[in-house]
Protein backbone atom coordinates (compact mmCIF):
# COMPACT_ATOMS: atom_id res chain seq x y z
CA UNK A 1 39.67 -28.42 -39.39
CA UNK A 2 40.59 -28.12 -35.55
CA UNK A 3 42.20 -30.56 -33.47
CA UNK A 4 39.70 -31.71 -30.65
CA UNK A 5 42.22 -29.55 -27.91
CA UNK A 6 41.60 -26.06 -30.72
CA UNK A 7 38.08 -27.16 -31.25
CA UNK A 8 37.39 -27.73 -27.47
CA UNK A 9 38.73 -24.26 -26.91
CA UNK A 10 36.04 -22.49 -29.80
CA UNK A 11 33.20 -24.20 -28.64
CA UNK A 12 33.97 -23.51 -24.67
CA UNK A 13 33.44 -27.42 -23.70
CA UNK A 14 35.62 -29.58 -22.34
CA UNK A 15 37.62 -32.40 -24.21
CA UNK A 16 35.90 -34.82 -21.56
CA UNK A 17 32.57 -33.45 -22.56
CA UNK A 18 33.33 -33.59 -26.49
CA UNK A 19 34.52 -37.53 -25.88
CA UNK A 20 30.74 -37.95 -24.08
CA UNK A 21 28.64 -36.29 -26.83
CA UNK A 22 30.22 -38.42 -29.04
CA UNK A 23 29.58 -41.15 -27.40
CA UNK A 24 26.01 -40.87 -27.04
CA UNK A 25 25.79 -39.83 -30.68
CA UNK A 26 25.20 -36.15 -30.06
CA UNK A 27 27.96 -34.41 -32.19
CA UNK A 28 30.83 -36.52 -33.73
CA UNK A 29 33.67 -35.98 -35.64
CA UNK A 30 33.76 -34.52 -38.97
CA UNK A 31 37.23 -36.75 -39.28
CA UNK A 32 38.91 -39.29 -37.64
CA UNK A 33 42.44 -40.26 -39.13
CA UNK A 34 42.44 -44.06 -39.00
CA UNK A 35 46.11 -43.74 -38.51
CA UNK A 36 46.28 -41.72 -35.32
CA UNK A 37 42.75 -41.86 -34.56
CA UNK A 38 43.10 -37.52 -33.55
CA UNK A 39 39.54 -36.62 -33.59
CA UNK A 40 39.16 -33.46 -36.10
CA UNK A 41 36.21 -30.99 -36.11
CA UNK A 42 34.41 -28.17 -38.40
CA UNK A 43 33.75 -24.69 -37.89
CA UNK A 44 29.83 -25.11 -39.13
CA UNK A 45 29.78 -27.91 -36.15
CA UNK A 46 29.60 -24.87 -33.68
CA UNK A 47 26.40 -24.33 -34.67
CA UNK A 48 25.41 -27.19 -33.25
CA UNK A 49 27.16 -26.66 -30.73
CA UNK A 50 24.77 -23.47 -29.70
CA UNK A 51 21.63 -25.62 -30.72
CA UNK A 52 22.82 -27.52 -27.89
CA UNK A 53 23.24 -25.22 -25.59
CA UNK A 54 20.01 -23.81 -25.98
CA UNK A 55 18.25 -26.88 -25.50
CA UNK A 56 20.31 -27.33 -22.47
CA UNK A 57 19.56 -23.83 -20.99
CA UNK A 58 15.53 -24.56 -22.18
CA UNK A 59 15.50 -27.80 -19.68
CA UNK A 60 15.94 -30.53 -22.24
CA UNK A 61 18.39 -33.33 -20.69
CA UNK A 62 21.18 -34.80 -22.94
CA UNK A 63 19.10 -37.65 -23.59
CA UNK A 64 16.22 -35.74 -25.23
CA UNK A 65 18.20 -33.40 -27.19
CA UNK A 66 19.59 -36.63 -29.23
CA UNK A 67 15.96 -37.29 -29.67
CA UNK A 68 15.00 -33.58 -31.04
CA UNK A 69 18.31 -33.37 -33.34
CA UNK A 70 18.15 -36.18 -35.03
CA UNK A 71 13.90 -35.74 -35.64
CA UNK A 72 14.21 -31.83 -35.76
CA UNK A 73 17.66 -30.75 -37.20
CA UNK A 74 16.21 -28.02 -39.21
CA UNK A 75 16.09 -24.64 -37.82
CA UNK A 76 12.68 -24.02 -39.35
CA UNK A 77 11.25 -27.00 -37.12
CA UNK A 78 13.70 -26.35 -34.34
CA UNK A 79 12.99 -22.57 -33.16
CA UNK A 80 9.80 -22.79 -32.89
CA UNK A 81 10.20 -25.60 -30.29
CA UNK A 82 12.60 -23.37 -28.34
CA UNK A 83 10.00 -20.09 -28.61
CA UNK A 84 7.70 -22.84 -27.14
CA UNK A 85 9.41 -23.30 -24.38
CA UNK A 86 10.78 -19.57 -24.02
CA UNK A 87 6.86 -18.73 -23.31
CA UNK A 88 6.47 -21.51 -20.92
CA UNK A 89 9.47 -20.60 -18.65
CA UNK A 90 7.72 -16.95 -18.94
CA UNK A 91 4.83 -18.04 -17.80
CA UNK A 92 6.41 -20.36 -15.33
CA UNK A 93 8.84 -16.80 -14.01
CA UNK A 94 5.88 -14.90 -13.72
CA UNK A 95 4.31 -17.30 -11.41
CA UNK A 96 7.61 -17.66 -9.63
CA UNK A 97 7.30 -14.41 -8.97
CA UNK A 98 4.13 -13.42 -7.69
CA UNK A 99 4.93 -15.61 -5.57
CA UNK A 100 7.80 -14.54 -4.65
CA UNK A 101 5.78 -10.92 -4.37
CA UNK A 102 3.40 -13.21 -2.19
CA UNK A 103 6.30 -14.75 0.22
CA UNK A 104 7.93 -11.37 0.78
CA UNK A 105 4.55 -9.99 1.89
CA UNK A 106 3.49 -12.29 4.18
CA UNK A 107 7.31 -12.46 5.52
CA UNK A 108 6.48 -8.20 6.51
CA UNK A 109 3.03 -9.07 8.02
CA UNK A 110 4.65 -11.82 10.74
CA UNK A 111 7.43 -9.40 11.60
CA UNK A 112 4.69 -6.31 11.27
CA UNK A 113 2.33 -9.09 14.23
CA UNK A 114 -0.30 -9.29 11.13
CA UNK A 115 -3.16 -6.64 10.20
CA UNK A 116 -5.74 -6.13 12.57
CA UNK A 117 -9.57 -6.03 11.97
CA UNK A 118 -11.12 -3.60 10.17
CA UNK A 119 -11.39 -0.58 12.86
CA UNK A 120 -10.82 -2.60 15.77
CA UNK A 121 -8.17 -1.41 18.14
CA UNK A 122 -5.64 -4.05 19.30
CA UNK A 123 -2.04 -4.12 20.50
CA UNK A 124 1.23 -6.40 19.07
CA UNK A 125 4.45 -6.66 18.98
CA UNK A 126 6.23 -5.27 16.01
CA UNK A 127 9.55 -7.08 14.99
CA UNK A 128 12.40 -5.36 14.20
CA UNK A 129 12.14 -4.38 10.22
CA UNK A 130 15.31 -3.76 7.53
CA UNK A 131 14.49 -0.33 6.02
CA UNK A 132 15.76 2.23 3.66
CA UNK A 133 14.50 5.45 4.37
CA UNK A 134 14.66 9.29 3.67
CA UNK A 135 13.37 12.03 6.61
CA UNK A 136 12.82 15.35 6.45
CA UNK A 137 10.90 18.23 7.87
CA UNK A 138 8.12 19.36 5.58
CA UNK A 139 8.38 23.09 5.01
CA UNK A 140 7.63 25.48 1.72
CA UNK A 141 6.31 22.87 -1.00
CA UNK A 142 3.09 21.15 -1.32
CA UNK A 143 2.51 17.96 0.87
CA UNK A 144 1.54 15.68 -1.77
CA UNK A 145 4.90 16.80 -3.96
CA UNK A 146 7.07 16.73 -0.90
CA UNK A 147 5.92 13.08 -0.03
CA UNK A 148 6.38 12.18 -3.78
CA UNK A 149 10.22 14.01 -4.03
CA UNK A 150 10.79 11.62 -1.13
CA UNK A 151 9.96 8.64 -2.37
CA UNK A 152 11.23 9.26 -5.40
CA UNK A 153 15.00 9.79 -3.97
CA UNK A 154 14.58 6.44 -2.29
CA UNK A 155 12.96 4.40 -4.23
CA UNK A 156 15.65 5.23 -7.11
CA UNK A 157 18.55 4.27 -4.30
CA UNK A 158 16.88 0.75 -3.97
CA UNK A 159 16.83 0.39 -7.84
CA UNK A 160 20.60 1.40 -7.95
CA UNK A 161 21.89 -0.56 -4.89
CA UNK A 162 19.98 -3.53 -7.03
CA UNK A 163 18.22 -4.59 -4.29
CA UNK A 164 14.25 -5.82 -3.34
CA UNK A 165 11.74 -4.10 -1.51
CA UNK A 166 9.08 -5.62 -0.50
CA UNK A 167 5.57 -4.52 0.62
CA UNK A 168 3.45 -2.44 2.28
CA UNK A 169 5.95 0.88 2.36
CA UNK A 170 4.92 3.22 4.86
CA UNK A 171 5.63 6.59 6.31
CA UNK A 172 6.59 7.49 10.06
CA UNK A 173 5.74 10.55 11.68
CA UNK A 174 8.15 11.75 14.29
CA UNK A 175 6.29 14.74 14.44
CA UNK A 176 3.52 17.26 13.55
CA UNK A 177 0.30 15.42 12.00
CA UNK A 178 -0.92 12.50 14.07
CA UNK A 179 1.74 14.41 16.72
CA UNK A 180 -0.27 17.66 17.55
CA UNK A 181 2.45 20.13 18.45
CA UNK A 182 3.60 23.53 16.76
CA UNK A 183 6.05 21.47 15.87
CA UNK A 184 6.41 21.36 11.77
CA UNK A 185 6.00 17.86 10.25
CA UNK A 186 8.94 15.52 10.57
CA UNK A 187 8.40 12.57 9.02
CA UNK A 188 10.37 9.71 7.30
CA UNK A 189 8.97 7.56 4.56
CA UNK A 190 10.79 3.92 4.51
CA UNK A 191 10.34 0.85 1.72
CA UNK A 192 11.50 -2.17 3.59
CA UNK A 193 14.28 -4.35 1.97
CA UNK A 194 15.13 -7.62 1.97
CA UNK A 195 19.06 -7.33 2.92
CA UNK A 196 21.15 -4.66 3.97
CA UNK A 197 22.72 -2.14 0.76
CA UNK A 198 25.03 0.97 1.45
CA UNK A 199 22.57 4.18 1.92
CA UNK A 200 24.39 7.69 1.54
CA UNK A 201 23.93 11.20 2.73
CA UNK A 202 20.09 11.05 2.10
CA UNK A 203 19.15 7.61 2.26
CA UNK A 204 19.57 5.72 5.85
CA UNK A 205 19.45 2.17 5.65
CA UNK A 206 18.45 0.82 9.55
CA UNK A 207 16.25 -1.32 10.98
CA UNK A 208 13.36 0.22 12.80
CA UNK A 209 13.33 -1.04 16.15
CA UNK A 210 10.97 -4.06 17.75
CA UNK A 211 8.17 -2.78 19.69
CA UNK A 212 6.55 -4.78 22.27
CA UNK A 213 3.29 -2.53 22.65
CA UNK A 214 1.54 -1.11 19.82
CA UNK A 215 -1.41 0.04 19.00
CA UNK A 216 -3.11 -0.13 16.09
CA UNK A 217 -5.92 0.45 14.09
CA UNK A 218 -7.04 -0.47 10.04
CA UNK A 219 -8.20 2.53 8.02
CA UNK A 220 -10.18 2.11 4.81
CA UNK A 221 -10.48 4.43 2.60
CA UNK A 222 -9.09 7.79 1.10
CA UNK A 223 -6.40 9.77 3.19
CA UNK A 224 -8.74 12.26 3.33
CA UNK A 225 -10.69 10.38 5.57
CA UNK A 226 -7.65 9.50 8.28
CA UNK A 227 -8.16 12.04 10.91
CA UNK A 228 -10.98 10.51 12.03
CA UNK A 229 -9.66 6.93 12.83
CA UNK A 230 -5.91 8.54 14.05
CA UNK A 231 -8.26 10.57 16.50
CA UNK A 232 -10.29 7.30 17.67
CA UNK A 233 -6.86 5.65 18.44
CA UNK A 234 -5.61 8.67 20.62
CA UNK A 235 -8.83 8.67 22.11
CA UNK A 236 -8.78 4.80 22.78
CA UNK A 237 -5.14 5.33 24.20
CA UNK A 238 -6.04 8.30 26.81
CA UNK A 239 -9.11 6.02 27.75
CA UNK A 240 -7.10 3.42 28.91
CA UNK A 241 -3.78 5.37 30.06
CA UNK A 242 -1.10 4.42 28.34
CA UNK A 243 1.83 6.48 26.92
CA UNK A 244 2.86 7.27 23.68
CA UNK A 245 6.56 6.05 23.47
CA UNK A 246 7.43 6.90 19.65
CA UNK A 247 6.42 8.07 16.01
CA UNK A 248 3.66 7.02 14.70
CA UNK A 249 3.74 4.07 11.57
CA UNK A 250 1.13 4.92 8.69
CA UNK A 251 1.74 1.71 6.75
CA UNK A 252 0.06 1.19 3.38
CA UNK A 253 -1.42 -1.83 3.00
CA UNK A 254 -3.62 -1.01 -0.47
CA UNK A 255 -2.88 1.66 -2.34
CA UNK A 256 -3.13 3.26 -5.41
CA UNK A 257 -0.42 0.62 -7.03
CA UNK A 258 -3.83 -1.85 -6.53
CA UNK A 259 -6.88 0.19 -7.05
CA UNK A 260 -7.98 3.62 -8.55
CA UNK A 261 -11.08 3.75 -6.48
CA UNK A 262 -9.34 5.60 -3.08
CA UNK A 263 -12.42 4.55 -0.96
CA UNK A 264 -10.48 1.01 -1.32
CA UNK A 265 -7.54 1.92 0.57
CA UNK A 266 -5.97 0.06 3.82
CA UNK A 267 -4.20 1.58 5.63
CA UNK A 268 -2.68 0.52 9.01
CA UNK A 269 -1.76 3.70 12.09
CA UNK A 270 0.35 1.99 14.55
CA UNK A 271 1.19 3.68 18.11
CA UNK A 272 4.32 2.65 20.23
CA UNK A 273 2.36 2.45 23.67
CA UNK A 274 3.48 1.77 27.68
C-alpha cells in the first residue's frame, strides 16, 4: 500500500489530480484510514492510471473516461475501443499531412509568382526562396548519376537536420546546357526548406534572391524534349531585347514522384532578365 504522496510519484500525477479523480469517481483510494483520513493506494491501481492516460491521449474527456471505465472495465473490451480511436487518428493525421503538403506547395507557388500557362512565355516577379543546395561542376561521370549523387547528398543532409522540405525542387544552371558557352556545366540542385538549418562543407543553406523580372515558360513532357522549349524562351528574350541577368532555374512541378509517364512531366524554366 502506498500513501497518496508515494502513489502520486509512482503514477506521475500530482496529489491535487488524484484528489480530483477521486472526486469525480474516476479512481478512488483502496483504503482510507478512518482515524487519520490518510488515503492509501495499491500497485494494481497503476494499471487504471495507464488506462486513463491512454483514453486522455485518445481525446476522451474526463467525464467520458468515467463512463467508459464503468461500461468497459475489461481490457478485451477497452482495447478494441482504443484501437478504433487510433485508426481514426491515423486517418486524420494522414489528411492533415496531405493538407500541410498542399499548404507548403501553395506557399512556394506564391513565392514563385504562380505557374505560367502551358507553353506561354510570361514575365513575373519571384520572391526570395530558402533552399538547401549543392553546387558542382559536371565532369566525368554520367549526367544522370551526377545529378542523383547531388540530390542524394542534399536530401540526406535535410533529413539528418530533421528539417521539412517543400515541393517543387529545382536545378539552377550557372553555366553550360542552357547558357551556350564552352564552359562546363555548372549546376546547383536545390530543395526549398521551411526553416534555416546548419549547412556544411558540401551543402549550402541560403536564400535564392528575389527577381523582379523573371521570364518563364512551362514545358510538358520528357526532359529529352525540353531543349525546344528552352530555345523558344531564349529566342523570345532576344527578340524582345531583354538581357539575361542570372542563372536559369529549372523547376519540377510534376515528375517521377507523381507519374511514371514522362509525357506527363511538368517543368518550368525561369530566366532572370532586364
